[in-house]
C-alpha cells in the first residue's frame, strides 16, 4: 500500500509524514523534493504471537508514504513537469487540512479556514485531472483525423464522460465506471479517482468536528499532529501518560493506519510458527487461495487447503494443541473468505 500526502504550505503535512515515518530526518529548509518513507504497521496481534512463539523472525506489514511538494506550486502536466508524479501511483491520497492557530506559523492565506483550504486542495486535484484529460482528448482528435479506430473511439468516449464530471467540479471517485472503462482510465492515474483520507490538523486541546458525512471513498480523521509527533519521538514506555496529558485519545499512527485500511478495504491475516510470525495484507473478501498467493505464487498454484483459526481463539487457547482439542482449528477450501485476524497455515502440493 502506498499513501500520497498532500497539503497546502504550513498545513502540517510534513509533521504527519514524520509521525508515520518515525526515523525520518527533518526536512531541509527550502527543500522542494518529495520524501518517501516506509511505515511498519503496528499490530498488537503480531506482538502477542511473537511472545507465544518466540520465533527467529517477526515481520510486520508495511506501507509506503510520500510527502509530496506538489500543492501550492502551480503548474501541472499540461504546462511542464508533472508535480504530482510522486503520488500518481499511490493507492490513496491523504489531504492534510490546517485547523490549528499559530501566529508563529503564518497561514499562506493569512487566516485559518479549514473548509476553504479543503476546497482549494480538491480544486487543484480536479484541475490537474482536467489538464490530463483535455490533453489526451486533443491528441485523440488529431489521431482520428488521420485514421479512426474502435480503440480510439472507446477511449475518447470514456474521457469525454470523465471530462463532463470534472467540468461539474466533481471528483471522478464519485462516478461508477465499468471494468472496460476502468481499464482505459487506469493508465492515466487520475488523482480524483483515488480514495481520499482527510486529516484535520488541530492544535493542543482544540475541539473540532468535521462537517457533513463524507461521501463514498472519503474518510476524515482529527489529529493534533504537532503533539502527536512529540509523543511519537518519546520512548514507547513513556508515551501513554504524555498522550493522556495532551488529551490524545489514541495513538496517531494506529488511527491513521486503521483509517487507511478501512478506506481501501484491506485486512490482515497472520502466519505463525517457530521460524517466523508475520502479518500479511490482502483485500477484504479475498479467499484462502488469494491469501496463499500473497505469501507466494507457488502456494496459490499448488493450493490444497488452509488450516484456519481466529487470532482471538488461538490466544484464548494458548497453544495449537489446545486449540485443536477445543475444535477451534478447522480446514477450509480455496473459496473460503479470509477474516481479519485469521491465522492461516497453507497446505499445498510441492
C-alpha atoms as a PDB file:
ATOM      1  CA  UNK A   1       0.000   0.000   0.000  1.00  0.00           C
ATOM      2  CA  UNK A   2       1.228   3.483  -0.887  1.00  0.00           C
ATOM      3  CA  UNK A   3      -0.195   6.743   0.507  1.00  0.00           C
ATOM      4  CA  UNK A   4       0.461  10.142  -1.034  1.00  0.00           C
ATOM      5  CA  UNK A   5       0.361  13.045   1.455  1.00  0.00           C
ATOM      6  CA  UNK A   6      -0.717  16.431   0.086  1.00  0.00           C
ATOM      7  CA  UNK A   7      -1.433  19.752   1.736  1.00  0.00           C
ATOM      8  CA  UNK A   8      -1.003  23.492   1.467  1.00  0.00           C
ATOM      9  CA  UNK A   9       2.200  25.037   2.846  1.00  0.00           C
ATOM     10  CA  UNK A  10       2.222  25.245   6.669  1.00  0.00           C
ATOM     11  CA  UNK A  11      -0.623  22.717   6.935  1.00  0.00           C
ATOM     12  CA  UNK A  12       1.412  20.168   8.890  1.00  0.00           C
ATOM     13  CA  UNK A  13       1.719  17.515   6.206  1.00  0.00           C
ATOM     14  CA  UNK A  14       5.450  17.109   6.845  1.00  0.00           C
ATOM     15  CA  UNK A  15       4.670  16.728  10.536  1.00  0.00           C
ATOM     16  CA  UNK A  16       2.204  13.992   9.629  1.00  0.00           C
ATOM     17  CA  UNK A  17       4.858  12.284   7.500  1.00  0.00           C
ATOM     18  CA  UNK A  18       7.224  12.308  10.480  1.00  0.00           C
ATOM     19  CA  UNK A  19       4.548  10.744  12.691  1.00  0.00           C
ATOM     20  CA  UNK A  20       4.234   7.902  10.219  1.00  0.00           C
ATOM     21  CA  UNK A  21       7.961   7.562   9.477  1.00  0.00           C
ATOM     22  CA  UNK A  22       9.444   7.788  12.947  1.00  0.00           C
ATOM     23  CA  UNK A  23      13.083   7.797  11.813  1.00  0.00           C
ATOM     24  CA  UNK A  24      12.598  10.415   9.083  1.00  0.00           C
ATOM     25  CA  UNK A  25      15.254  13.153   9.220  1.00  0.00           C
ATOM     26  CA  UNK A  26      13.926  16.731   9.399  1.00  0.00           C
ATOM     27  CA  UNK A  27      13.242  18.352   6.060  1.00  0.00           C
ATOM     28  CA  UNK A  28      15.978  20.743   4.989  1.00  0.00           C
ATOM     29  CA  UNK A  29      14.894  24.378   4.851  1.00  0.00           C
ATOM     30  CA  UNK A  30      13.665  25.291   1.387  1.00  0.00           C
ATOM     31  CA  UNK A  31      13.781  21.691   0.125  1.00  0.00           C
ATOM     32  CA  UNK A  32      11.348  21.007  -2.728  1.00  0.00           C
ATOM     33  CA  UNK A  33      11.831  17.277  -3.260  1.00  0.00           C
ATOM     34  CA  UNK A  34       9.235  14.696  -2.297  1.00  0.00           C
ATOM     35  CA  UNK A  35      10.184  12.456   0.618  1.00  0.00           C
ATOM     36  CA  UNK A  36       9.417   8.744   0.650  1.00  0.00           C
ATOM     37  CA  UNK A  37       9.329   6.551   3.757  1.00  0.00           C
ATOM     38  CA  UNK A  38       8.322   3.059   4.811  1.00  0.00           C
ATOM     39  CA  UNK A  39       5.973   2.583   7.761  1.00  0.00           C
ATOM     40  CA  UNK A  40       5.850  -0.545   9.890  1.00  0.00           C
ATOM     41  CA  UNK A  41       2.162  -1.205  10.512  1.00  0.00           C
ATOM     42  CA  UNK A  42       1.614  -1.567  14.276  1.00  0.00           C
ATOM     43  CA  UNK A  43      -0.213  -4.788  15.135  1.00  0.00           C
ATOM     44  CA  UNK A  44      -0.713  -5.963  18.717  1.00  0.00           C
ATOM     45  CA  UNK A  45      -1.604  -9.411  17.377  1.00  0.00           C
ATOM     46  CA  UNK A  46       1.866  -9.814  15.890  1.00  0.00           C
ATOM     47  CA  UNK A  47       3.353  -8.661  19.198  1.00  0.00           C
ATOM     48  CA  UNK A  48       1.377 -11.280  21.146  1.00  0.00           C
ATOM     49  CA  UNK A  49       2.092 -14.125  18.739  1.00  0.00           C
ATOM     50  CA  UNK A  50       5.768 -13.209  18.943  1.00  0.00           C
ATOM     51  CA  UNK A  51       5.605 -13.635  22.713  1.00  0.00           C
ATOM     52  CA  UNK A  52       3.902 -17.030  22.379  1.00  0.00           C
ATOM     53  CA  UNK A  53       6.099 -18.497  19.625  1.00  0.00           C
ATOM     54  CA  UNK A  54       9.403 -16.687  20.285  1.00  0.00           C
ATOM     55  CA  UNK A  55      10.179 -17.015  16.545  1.00  0.00           C
ATOM     56  CA  UNK A  56      13.503 -16.467  14.824  1.00  0.00           C
ATOM     57  CA  UNK A  57      11.938 -13.613  12.887  1.00  0.00           C
ATOM     58  CA  UNK A  58       8.975 -11.268  13.340  1.00  0.00           C
ATOM     59  CA  UNK A  59       7.680  -9.380  10.291  1.00  0.00           C
ATOM     60  CA  UNK A  60       5.054  -6.648  10.354  1.00  0.00           C
ATOM     61  CA  UNK A  61       3.062  -5.424   7.376  1.00  0.00           C
ATOM     62  CA  UNK A  62       4.430  -2.225   5.847  1.00  0.00           C
ATOM     63  CA  UNK A  63       3.168   0.682   3.789  1.00  0.00           C
ATOM     64  CA  UNK A  64       4.920   3.396   1.828  1.00  0.00           C
ATOM     65  CA  UNK A  65       4.165   7.097   2.238  1.00  0.00           C
ATOM     66  CA  UNK A  66       5.151  10.088   0.092  1.00  0.00           C
ATOM     67  CA  UNK A  67       5.401  13.618   1.456  1.00  0.00           C
ATOM     68  CA  UNK A  68       4.579  15.486  -1.769  1.00  0.00           C
ATOM     69  CA  UNK A  69       5.570  19.060  -2.513  1.00  0.00           C
ATOM     70  CA  UNK A  70       3.041  19.445  -5.340  1.00  0.00           C
ATOM     71  CA  UNK A  71       0.357  21.567  -3.711  1.00  0.00           C
ATOM     72  CA  UNK A  72       0.507  25.319  -3.920  1.00  0.00           C
ATOM     73  CA  UNK A  73       3.258  25.218  -6.530  1.00  0.00           C
ATOM     74  CA  UNK A  74       1.090  25.886  -9.608  1.00  0.00           C
ATOM     75  CA  UNK A  75       1.722  24.274 -12.964  1.00  0.00           C
ATOM     76  CA  UNK A  76       0.609  20.795 -13.973  1.00  0.00           C
ATOM     77  CA  UNK A  77       1.080  18.077 -16.549  1.00  0.00           C
ATOM     78  CA  UNK A  78      -0.149  20.250 -19.404  1.00  0.00           C
ATOM     79  CA  UNK A  79       2.314  23.024 -18.572  1.00  0.00           C
ATOM     80  CA  UNK A  80       5.558  21.190 -17.942  1.00  0.00           C
ATOM     81  CA  UNK A  81       6.843  18.742 -15.345  1.00  0.00           C
ATOM     82  CA  UNK A  82       4.227  16.686 -13.532  1.00  0.00           C
ATOM     83  CA  UNK A  83       4.409  17.995  -9.978  1.00  0.00           C
ATOM     84  CA  UNK A  84       2.191  15.134  -8.793  1.00  0.00           C
ATOM     85  CA  UNK A  85       4.426  12.396 -10.195  1.00  0.00           C
ATOM     86  CA  UNK A  86       5.368  11.185  -6.706  1.00  0.00           C
ATOM     87  CA  UNK A  87       1.772  10.380  -5.754  1.00  0.00           C
ATOM     88  CA  UNK A  88       0.353   9.209  -9.085  1.00  0.00           C
ATOM     89  CA  UNK A  89       0.821   5.547  -8.197  1.00  0.00           C
ATOM     90  CA  UNK A  90      -0.481   5.961  -4.640  1.00  0.00           C
ATOM     91  CA  UNK A  91      -3.376   3.728  -3.616  1.00  0.00           C
ATOM     92  CA  UNK A  92      -4.951   6.629  -1.701  1.00  0.00           C
ATOM     93  CA  UNK A  93      -4.346  10.330  -1.122  1.00  0.00           C
ATOM     94  CA  UNK A  94      -4.032  11.929   2.309  1.00  0.00           C
ATOM     95  CA  UNK A  95      -5.045  15.603   2.386  1.00  0.00           C
ATOM     96  CA  UNK A  96      -3.800  17.481   5.453  1.00  0.00           C
ATOM     97  CA  UNK A  97      -6.049  20.420   6.306  1.00  0.00           C
ATOM     98  CA  UNK A  98      -4.940  23.006   8.829  1.00  0.00           C
ATOM     99  CA  UNK A  99      -7.248  23.784  11.737  1.00  0.00           C
ATOM    100  CA  UNK A 100      -4.722  24.953  14.354  1.00  0.00           C
ATOM    101  CA  UNK A 101      -3.995  28.630  15.014  1.00  0.00           C
ATOM    102  CA  UNK A 102      -0.347  29.643  15.498  1.00  0.00           C
ATOM    103  CA  UNK A 103       0.915  33.176  14.871  1.00  0.00           C
ATOM    104  CA  UNK A 104       4.493  31.875  14.604  1.00  0.00           C
ATOM    105  CA  UNK A 105       3.455  29.687  11.659  1.00  0.00           C
ATOM    106  CA  UNK A 106       1.690  32.081   9.279  1.00  0.00           C
ATOM    107  CA  UNK A 107      -1.000  30.630   7.049  1.00  0.00           C
ATOM    108  CA  UNK A 108      -0.391  31.290   3.319  1.00  0.00           C
ATOM    109  CA  UNK A 109      -3.874  32.882   3.157  1.00  0.00           C
ATOM    110  CA  UNK A 110      -3.377  34.802   6.413  1.00  0.00           C
ATOM    111  CA  UNK A 111      -6.480  33.305   8.059  1.00  0.00           C
ATOM    112  CA  UNK A 112      -7.254  29.717   9.030  1.00  0.00           C
ATOM    113  CA  UNK A 113     -10.322  28.303   7.279  1.00  0.00           C
ATOM    114  CA  UNK A 114     -10.444  24.515   7.013  1.00  0.00           C
ATOM    115  CA  UNK A 115     -13.422  24.398   4.630  1.00  0.00           C
ATOM    116  CA  UNK A 116     -11.804  26.906   2.268  1.00  0.00           C
ATOM    117  CA  UNK A 117      -8.458  25.066   2.293  1.00  0.00           C
ATOM    118  CA  UNK A 118     -10.040  21.671   1.651  1.00  0.00           C
ATOM    119  CA  UNK A 119     -11.968  23.142  -1.276  1.00  0.00           C
ATOM    120  CA  UNK A 120      -8.745  24.623  -2.666  1.00  0.00           C
ATOM    121  CA  UNK A 121      -6.908  21.312  -2.364  1.00  0.00           C
ATOM    122  CA  UNK A 122      -9.693  19.426  -4.106  1.00  0.00           C
ATOM    123  CA  UNK A 123      -9.912  22.103  -6.833  1.00  0.00           C
ATOM    124  CA  UNK A 124      -6.189  21.763  -7.584  1.00  0.00           C
ATOM    125  CA  UNK A 125      -6.584  17.992  -7.915  1.00  0.00           C
ATOM    126  CA  UNK A 126      -9.564  18.410 -10.243  1.00  0.00           C
ATOM    127  CA  UNK A 127      -7.703  20.954 -12.396  1.00  0.00           C
ATOM    128  CA  UNK A 128      -4.760  18.588 -12.662  1.00  0.00           C
ATOM    129  CA  UNK A 129      -7.020  15.753 -13.810  1.00  0.00           C
ATOM    130  CA  UNK A 130      -8.755  18.075 -16.257  1.00  0.00           C
ATOM    131  CA  UNK A 131      -5.410  19.034 -17.803  1.00  0.00           C
ATOM    132  CA  UNK A 132      -4.555  15.370 -18.362  1.00  0.00           C
ATOM    133  CA  UNK A 133      -7.967  14.506 -19.814  1.00  0.00           C
ATOM    134  CA  UNK A 134      -8.087  17.510 -22.137  1.00  0.00           C
ATOM    135  CA  UNK A 135      -4.537  16.943 -23.374  1.00  0.00           C
ATOM    136  CA  UNK A 136      -5.299  13.316 -24.216  1.00  0.00           C
ATOM    137  CA  UNK A 137      -8.590  14.222 -25.936  1.00  0.00           C
ATOM    138  CA  UNK A 138      -6.774  16.742 -28.122  1.00  0.00           C
ATOM    139  CA  UNK A 139      -4.253  14.084 -29.164  1.00  0.00           C
ATOM    140  CA  UNK A 140      -7.006  11.551 -29.878  1.00  0.00           C
ATOM    141  CA  UNK A 141      -8.801  14.101 -32.058  1.00  0.00           C
ATOM    142  CA  UNK A 142      -5.629  14.630 -34.108  1.00  0.00           C
ATOM    143  CA  UNK A 143      -5.100  10.868 -34.468  1.00  0.00           C
ATOM    144  CA  UNK A 144      -8.710  10.280 -35.522  1.00  0.00           C
ATOM    145  CA  UNK A 145      -8.404  12.881 -38.287  1.00  0.00           C
ATOM    146  CA  UNK A 146      -5.760  10.633 -39.804  1.00  0.00           C
ATOM    147  CA  UNK A 147      -7.292   7.237 -39.063  1.00  0.00           C
ATOM    148  CA  UNK A 148     -10.290   6.321 -36.941  1.00  0.00           C
ATOM    149  CA  UNK A 149     -10.417   3.114 -34.959  1.00  0.00           C
ATOM    150  CA  UNK A 150     -12.636   1.443 -32.340  1.00  0.00           C
ATOM    151  CA  UNK A 151      -9.969   1.643 -29.622  1.00  0.00           C
ATOM    152  CA  UNK A 152      -9.588   5.403 -30.004  1.00  0.00           C
ATOM    153  CA  UNK A 153     -13.354   5.864 -30.124  1.00  0.00           C
ATOM    154  CA  UNK A 154     -13.811   3.875 -26.904  1.00  0.00           C
ATOM    155  CA  UNK A 155     -11.041   5.807 -25.164  1.00  0.00           C
ATOM    156  CA  UNK A 156     -12.477   9.109 -26.322  1.00  0.00           C
ATOM    157  CA  UNK A 157     -15.958   8.206 -25.076  1.00  0.00           C
ATOM    158  CA  UNK A 158     -14.627   7.342 -21.599  1.00  0.00           C
ATOM    159  CA  UNK A 159     -12.563  10.518 -21.375  1.00  0.00           C
ATOM    160  CA  UNK A 160     -15.479  12.688 -22.545  1.00  0.00           C
ATOM    161  CA  UNK A 161     -17.576  11.171 -19.765  1.00  0.00           C
ATOM    162  CA  UNK A 162     -14.805  11.900 -17.262  1.00  0.00           C
ATOM    163  CA  UNK A 163     -14.473  15.465 -18.546  1.00  0.00           C
ATOM    164  CA  UNK A 164     -18.178  16.102 -18.009  1.00  0.00           C
ATOM    165  CA  UNK A 165     -17.825  15.132 -14.346  1.00  0.00           C
ATOM    166  CA  UNK A 166     -14.713  17.266 -13.885  1.00  0.00           C
ATOM    167  CA  UNK A 167     -16.425  20.216 -15.609  1.00  0.00           C
ATOM    168  CA  UNK A 168     -19.107  19.856 -12.953  1.00  0.00           C
ATOM    169  CA  UNK A 169     -16.406  20.247 -10.253  1.00  0.00           C
ATOM    170  CA  UNK A 170     -16.906  16.686  -9.048  1.00  0.00           C
ATOM    171  CA  UNK A 171     -14.148  14.153  -8.342  1.00  0.00           C
ATOM    172  CA  UNK A 172     -14.077  11.043 -10.507  1.00  0.00           C
ATOM    173  CA  UNK A 173     -14.292   8.794  -7.431  1.00  0.00           C
ATOM    174  CA  UNK A 174     -18.000   9.697  -7.310  1.00  0.00           C
ATOM    175  CA  UNK A 175     -18.588   8.110 -10.714  1.00  0.00           C
ATOM    176  CA  UNK A 176     -19.004   4.366 -11.291  1.00  0.00           C
ATOM    177  CA  UNK A 177     -17.052   3.025 -14.254  1.00  0.00           C
ATOM    178  CA  UNK A 178     -17.377  -0.344 -15.945  1.00  0.00           C
ATOM    179  CA  UNK A 179     -14.464  -2.781 -15.940  1.00  0.00           C
ATOM    180  CA  UNK A 180     -13.614  -1.787 -19.516  1.00  0.00           C
ATOM    181  CA  UNK A 181     -13.794   1.926 -18.697  1.00  0.00           C
ATOM    182  CA  UNK A 182     -11.618   1.367 -15.651  1.00  0.00           C
ATOM    183  CA  UNK A 183      -9.038  -0.363 -17.832  1.00  0.00           C
ATOM    184  CA  UNK A 184      -8.926   2.704 -20.099  1.00  0.00           C
ATOM    185  CA  UNK A 185      -8.585   5.177 -17.230  1.00  0.00           C
ATOM    186  CA  UNK A 186      -6.136   3.222 -15.082  1.00  0.00           C
ATOM    187  CA  UNK A 187      -3.088   4.229 -17.096  1.00  0.00           C
ATOM    188  CA  UNK A 188      -3.769   7.947 -16.568  1.00  0.00           C
ATOM    189  CA  UNK A 189      -3.566   7.588 -12.762  1.00  0.00           C
ATOM    190  CA  UNK A 190      -6.079  10.403 -12.296  1.00  0.00           C
ATOM    191  CA  UNK A 191      -5.868  11.797  -8.791  1.00  0.00           C
ATOM    192  CA  UNK A 192      -9.564  12.462  -8.155  1.00  0.00           C
ATOM    193  CA  UNK A 193     -10.322   8.758  -8.717  1.00  0.00           C
ATOM    194  CA  UNK A 194      -8.224   7.792  -5.721  1.00  0.00           C
ATOM    195  CA  UNK A 195      -9.780   7.176  -2.285  1.00  0.00           C
ATOM    196  CA  UNK A 196      -9.241  10.159  -0.003  1.00  0.00           C
ATOM    197  CA  UNK A 197      -8.237  10.361   3.667  1.00  0.00           C
ATOM    198  CA  UNK A 198      -8.672  13.882   5.076  1.00  0.00           C
ATOM    199  CA  UNK A 199      -6.626  14.648   8.189  1.00  0.00           C
ATOM    200  CA  UNK A 200      -7.764  17.742  10.076  1.00  0.00           C
ATOM    201  CA  UNK A 201      -4.685  19.009  11.926  1.00  0.00           C
ATOM    202  CA  UNK A 202      -5.853  20.607  15.174  1.00  0.00           C
ATOM    203  CA  UNK A 203      -3.965  22.373  17.950  1.00  0.00           C
ATOM    204  CA  UNK A 204      -3.423  21.191  21.533  1.00  0.00           C
ATOM    205  CA  UNK A 205      -6.785  20.535  23.177  1.00  0.00           C
ATOM    206  CA  UNK A 206      -8.636  22.083  20.235  1.00  0.00           C
ATOM    207  CA  UNK A 207     -12.120  20.682  19.666  1.00  0.00           C
ATOM    208  CA  UNK A 208     -13.117  20.207  16.064  1.00  0.00           C
ATOM    209  CA  UNK A 209     -15.827  18.222  14.327  1.00  0.00           C
ATOM    210  CA  UNK A 210     -15.605  17.575  10.571  1.00  0.00           C
ATOM    211  CA  UNK A 211     -18.558  18.745   8.519  1.00  0.00           C
ATOM    212  CA  UNK A 212     -21.245  16.667   6.859  1.00  0.00           C
ATOM    213  CA  UNK A 213     -20.987  12.913   6.390  1.00  0.00           C
ATOM    214  CA  UNK A 214     -18.155  12.178   3.990  1.00  0.00           C
ATOM    215  CA  UNK A 215     -19.090  10.811   0.554  1.00  0.00           C
ATOM    216  CA  UNK A 216     -18.108   7.331  -0.595  1.00  0.00           C
ATOM    217  CA  UNK A 217     -14.369   6.912  -0.940  1.00  0.00           C
ATOM    218  CA  UNK A 218     -13.581   9.567   1.677  1.00  0.00           C
ATOM    219  CA  UNK A 219     -12.634   9.138   5.352  1.00  0.00           C
ATOM    220  CA  UNK A 220     -11.952  12.044   7.746  1.00  0.00           C
ATOM    221  CA  UNK A 221      -9.947  11.972  10.988  1.00  0.00           C
ATOM    222  CA  UNK A 222      -8.946  14.654  13.507  1.00  0.00           C
ATOM    223  CA  UNK A 223      -5.402  14.637  14.888  1.00  0.00           C
ATOM    224  CA  UNK A 224      -3.201  17.150  16.767  1.00  0.00           C
ATOM    225  CA  UNK A 225      -0.175  16.434  14.598  1.00  0.00           C
ATOM    226  CA  UNK A 226       2.388  18.560  16.444  1.00  0.00           C
ATOM    227  CA  UNK A 227       1.527  16.990  19.811  1.00  0.00           C
ATOM    228  CA  UNK A 228       1.416  13.506  18.332  1.00  0.00           C
ATOM    229  CA  UNK A 229       4.853  13.943  16.744  1.00  0.00           C
ATOM    230  CA  UNK A 230       6.313  14.934  20.109  1.00  0.00           C
ATOM    231  CA  UNK A 231       4.777  11.879  21.763  1.00  0.00           C
ATOM    232  CA  UNK A 232       5.916   9.584  18.944  1.00  0.00           C
ATOM    233  CA  UNK A 233       9.525  10.686  19.497  1.00  0.00           C
ATOM    234  CA  UNK A 234       9.435   9.530  23.124  1.00  0.00           C
ATOM    235  CA  UNK A 235      10.391   6.033  24.280  1.00  0.00           C
ATOM    236  CA  UNK A 236       7.419   3.700  23.865  1.00  0.00           C
ATOM    237  CA  UNK A 237       7.076   3.156  27.617  1.00  0.00           C
ATOM    238  CA  UNK A 238       6.661   6.910  28.250  1.00  0.00           C
ATOM    239  CA  UNK A 239       4.042   7.662  25.605  1.00  0.00           C
ATOM    240  CA  UNK A 240       0.775   6.707  27.347  1.00  0.00           C
ATOM    241  CA  UNK A 241       0.930   9.290  30.204  1.00  0.00           C
ATOM    242  CA  UNK A 242       2.014  12.073  27.866  1.00  0.00           C
ATOM    243  CA  UNK A 243      -0.717  11.190  25.378  1.00  0.00           C
ATOM    244  CA  UNK A 244      -3.223  11.368  28.237  1.00  0.00           C
ATOM    245  CA  UNK A 245      -1.824  14.735  29.329  1.00  0.00           C
ATOM    246  CA  UNK A 246      -2.127  16.076  25.790  1.00  0.00           C
ATOM    247  CA  UNK A 247      -5.693  14.770  25.567  1.00  0.00           C
ATOM    248  CA  UNK A 248      -4.914  12.487  22.622  1.00  0.00           C
ATOM    249  CA  UNK A 249      -7.341   9.565  22.888  1.00  0.00           C
ATOM    250  CA  UNK A 250      -5.497   7.221  20.535  1.00  0.00           C
ATOM    251  CA  UNK A 251      -2.063   6.547  19.096  1.00  0.00           C
ATOM    252  CA  UNK A 252      -1.927   8.674  15.934  1.00  0.00           C
ATOM    253  CA  UNK A 253      -0.081   6.061  13.882  1.00  0.00           C
ATOM    254  CA  UNK A 254      -2.636   3.395  14.790  1.00  0.00           C
ATOM    255  CA  UNK A 255      -5.506   5.774  13.950  1.00  0.00           C
ATOM    256  CA  UNK A 256      -4.054   6.701  10.566  1.00  0.00           C
ATOM    257  CA  UNK A 257      -3.205   3.148   9.542  1.00  0.00           C
ATOM    258  CA  UNK A 258      -6.584   1.791  10.645  1.00  0.00           C
ATOM    259  CA  UNK A 259      -8.343   4.572   8.738  1.00  0.00           C
ATOM    260  CA  UNK A 260      -6.283   3.877   5.607  1.00  0.00           C
ATOM    261  CA  UNK A 261      -7.049   0.141   5.785  1.00  0.00           C
ATOM    262  CA  UNK A 262     -10.771   0.864   6.193  1.00  0.00           C
ATOM    263  CA  UNK A 263     -10.707   3.361   3.312  1.00  0.00           C
ATOM    264  CA  UNK A 264      -9.030   0.859   0.975  1.00  0.00           C
ATOM    265  CA  UNK A 265     -10.973  -2.188   2.165  1.00  0.00           C
ATOM    266  CA  UNK A 266      -7.881  -4.017   3.440  1.00  0.00           C
ATOM    267  CA  UNK A 267      -7.483  -6.628   6.164  1.00  0.00           C
ATOM    268  CA  UNK A 268      -4.590  -8.561   7.672  1.00  0.00           C
ATOM    269  CA  UNK A 269      -4.130 -12.281   8.129  1.00  0.00           C
ATOM    270  CA  UNK A 270      -1.329 -13.891  10.091  1.00  0.00           C
ATOM    271  CA  UNK A 271       1.087 -16.772   9.764  1.00  0.00           C
ATOM    272  CA  UNK A 272       2.826 -18.061  12.872  1.00  0.00           C
ATOM    273  CA  UNK A 273       5.480 -20.615  13.739  1.00  0.00           C
ATOM    274  CA  UNK A 274       8.889 -21.045  15.323  1.00  0.00           C
ATOM    275  CA  UNK A 275      10.632 -19.663  12.228  1.00  0.00           C
ATOM    276  CA  UNK A 276       8.510 -16.557  11.710  1.00  0.00           C
ATOM    277  CA  UNK A 277       5.441 -14.659  12.863  1.00  0.00           C
ATOM    278  CA  UNK A 278       4.167 -12.403  10.114  1.00  0.00           C
ATOM    279  CA  UNK A 279       1.248 -10.145   9.130  1.00  0.00           C
ATOM    280  CA  UNK A 280       0.052 -10.088   5.516  1.00  0.00           C
ATOM    281  CA  UNK A 281      -2.204  -7.509   3.877  1.00  0.00           C
ATOM    282  CA  UNK A 282      -4.991  -8.538   1.473  1.00  0.00           C
ATOM    283  CA  UNK A 283      -8.296  -7.082   0.301  1.00  0.00           C
ATOM    284  CA  UNK A 284     -11.455  -7.696   2.303  1.00  0.00           C
ATOM    285  CA  UNK A 285     -13.312 -10.548   0.611  1.00  0.00           C
ATOM    286  CA  UNK A 286     -10.156 -12.264  -0.652  1.00  0.00           C
ATOM    287  CA  UNK A 287     -10.188 -16.043  -0.484  1.00  0.00           C
ATOM    288  CA  UNK A 288      -7.805 -18.570   1.026  1.00  0.00           C
ATOM    289  CA  UNK A 289      -6.140 -19.084  -2.341  1.00  0.00           C
ATOM    290  CA  UNK A 290      -5.698 -15.300  -2.672  1.00  0.00           C
ATOM    291  CA  UNK A 291      -4.010 -15.307   0.734  1.00  0.00           C
ATOM    292  CA  UNK A 292      -1.779 -18.161  -0.393  1.00  0.00           C
ATOM    293  CA  UNK A 293      -0.806 -16.099  -3.433  1.00  0.00           C
ATOM    294  CA  UNK A 294       0.078 -13.142  -1.200  1.00  0.00           C
ATOM    295  CA  UNK A 295       2.629 -15.368   0.525  1.00  0.00           C
ATOM    296  CA  UNK A 296       3.998 -16.921  -2.674  1.00  0.00           C
ATOM    297  CA  UNK A 297       2.614 -17.669  -6.122  1.00  0.00           C
ATOM    298  CA  UNK A 298       3.687 -21.330  -5.776  1.00  0.00           C
ATOM    299  CA  UNK A 299       1.385 -21.728  -2.761  1.00  0.00           C
ATOM    300  CA  UNK A 300      -1.582 -20.484  -4.790  1.00  0.00           C
ATOM    301  CA  UNK A 301      -0.782 -22.756  -7.737  1.00  0.00           C
ATOM    302  CA  UNK A 302      -0.410 -25.845  -5.561  1.00  0.00           C
ATOM    303  CA  UNK A 303      -3.118 -24.922  -3.047  1.00  0.00           C
ATOM    304  CA  UNK A 304      -4.792 -27.896  -1.353  1.00  0.00           C
ATOM    305  CA  UNK A 305      -6.445 -26.425   1.735  1.00  0.00           C
ATOM    306  CA  UNK A 306      -5.925 -23.931   4.555  1.00  0.00           C
ATOM    307  CA  UNK A 307      -5.810 -24.676   8.259  1.00  0.00           C
ATOM    308  CA  UNK A 308      -7.511 -21.721   9.963  1.00  0.00           C
ATOM    309  CA  UNK A 309      -8.006 -20.425  13.490  1.00  0.00           C
ATOM    310  CA  UNK A 310      -9.021 -16.952  14.586  1.00  0.00           C
ATOM    311  CA  UNK A 311      -6.451 -14.942  16.485  1.00  0.00           C
ATOM    312  CA  UNK A 312      -8.798 -14.444  19.453  1.00  0.00           C
ATOM    313  CA  UNK A 313      -9.449 -18.175  19.808  1.00  0.00           C
ATOM    314  CA  UNK A 314      -5.787 -19.053  19.450  1.00  0.00           C
ATOM    315  CA  UNK A 315      -4.759 -16.595  22.176  1.00  0.00           C
ATOM    316  CA  UNK A 316      -7.512 -17.907  24.447  1.00  0.00           C
ATOM    317  CA  UNK A 317      -6.348 -21.476  23.874  1.00  0.00           C
ATOM    318  CA  UNK A 318      -2.685 -20.567  24.295  1.00  0.00           C
ATOM    319  CA  UNK A 319      -1.262 -23.283  22.047  1.00  0.00           C
ATOM    320  CA  UNK A 320      -2.096 -25.000  18.768  1.00  0.00           C
ATOM    321  CA  UNK A 321      -2.624 -28.289  20.584  1.00  0.00           C
ATOM    322  CA  UNK A 322      -5.225 -26.788  22.926  1.00  0.00           C
ATOM    323  CA  UNK A 323      -6.924 -25.020  20.020  1.00  0.00           C
ATOM    324  CA  UNK A 324      -7.269 -28.383  18.259  1.00  0.00           C
ATOM    325  CA  UNK A 325      -8.646 -30.006  21.432  1.00  0.00           C
ATOM    326  CA  UNK A 326     -11.383 -27.362  21.584  1.00  0.00           C
ATOM    327  CA  UNK A 327     -12.236 -27.805  17.923  1.00  0.00           C
ATOM    328  CA  UNK A 328     -11.309 -24.231  17.085  1.00  0.00           C
ATOM    329  CA  UNK A 329      -8.821 -25.120  14.387  1.00  0.00           C
ATOM    330  CA  UNK A 330     -10.550 -26.027  11.127  1.00  0.00           C
ATOM    331  CA  UNK A 331      -9.804 -26.839   7.499  1.00  0.00           C
ATOM    332  CA  UNK A 332     -11.086 -24.600   4.716  1.00  0.00           C
ATOM    333  CA  UNK A 333     -11.039 -24.836   0.917  1.00  0.00           C
ATOM    334  CA  UNK A 334      -9.819 -22.404  -1.712  1.00  0.00           C
ATOM    335  CA  UNK A 335     -13.055 -20.373  -1.747  1.00  0.00           C
ATOM    336  CA  UNK A 336     -13.032 -19.619   1.987  1.00  0.00           C
ATOM    337  CA  UNK A 337     -13.192 -15.842   2.566  1.00  0.00           C
ATOM    338  CA  UNK A 338     -10.424 -14.833   4.922  1.00  0.00           C
ATOM    339  CA  UNK A 339     -11.425 -12.825   8.015  1.00  0.00           C
ATOM    340  CA  UNK A 340      -9.253 -10.110   9.534  1.00  0.00           C
ATOM    341  CA  UNK A 341      -7.042 -11.720  12.168  1.00  0.00           C
ATOM    342  CA  UNK A 342      -7.243 -15.271  10.819  1.00  0.00           C
ATOM    343  CA  UNK A 343      -4.111 -17.336  11.433  1.00  0.00           C
ATOM    344  CA  UNK A 344      -3.525 -19.457   8.334  1.00  0.00           C
ATOM    345  CA  UNK A 345      -1.374 -22.448   7.530  1.00  0.00           C
ATOM    346  CA  UNK A 346      -1.465 -23.201   3.813  1.00  0.00           C
ATOM    347  CA  UNK A 347      -1.214 -26.849   2.736  1.00  0.00           C
ATOM    348  CA  UNK A 348      -0.081 -27.300  -0.864  1.00  0.00           C
ATOM    349  CA  UNK A 349       1.361 -29.725  -3.381  1.00  0.00           C
ATOM    350  CA  UNK A 350       5.100 -29.238  -3.609  1.00  0.00           C
END
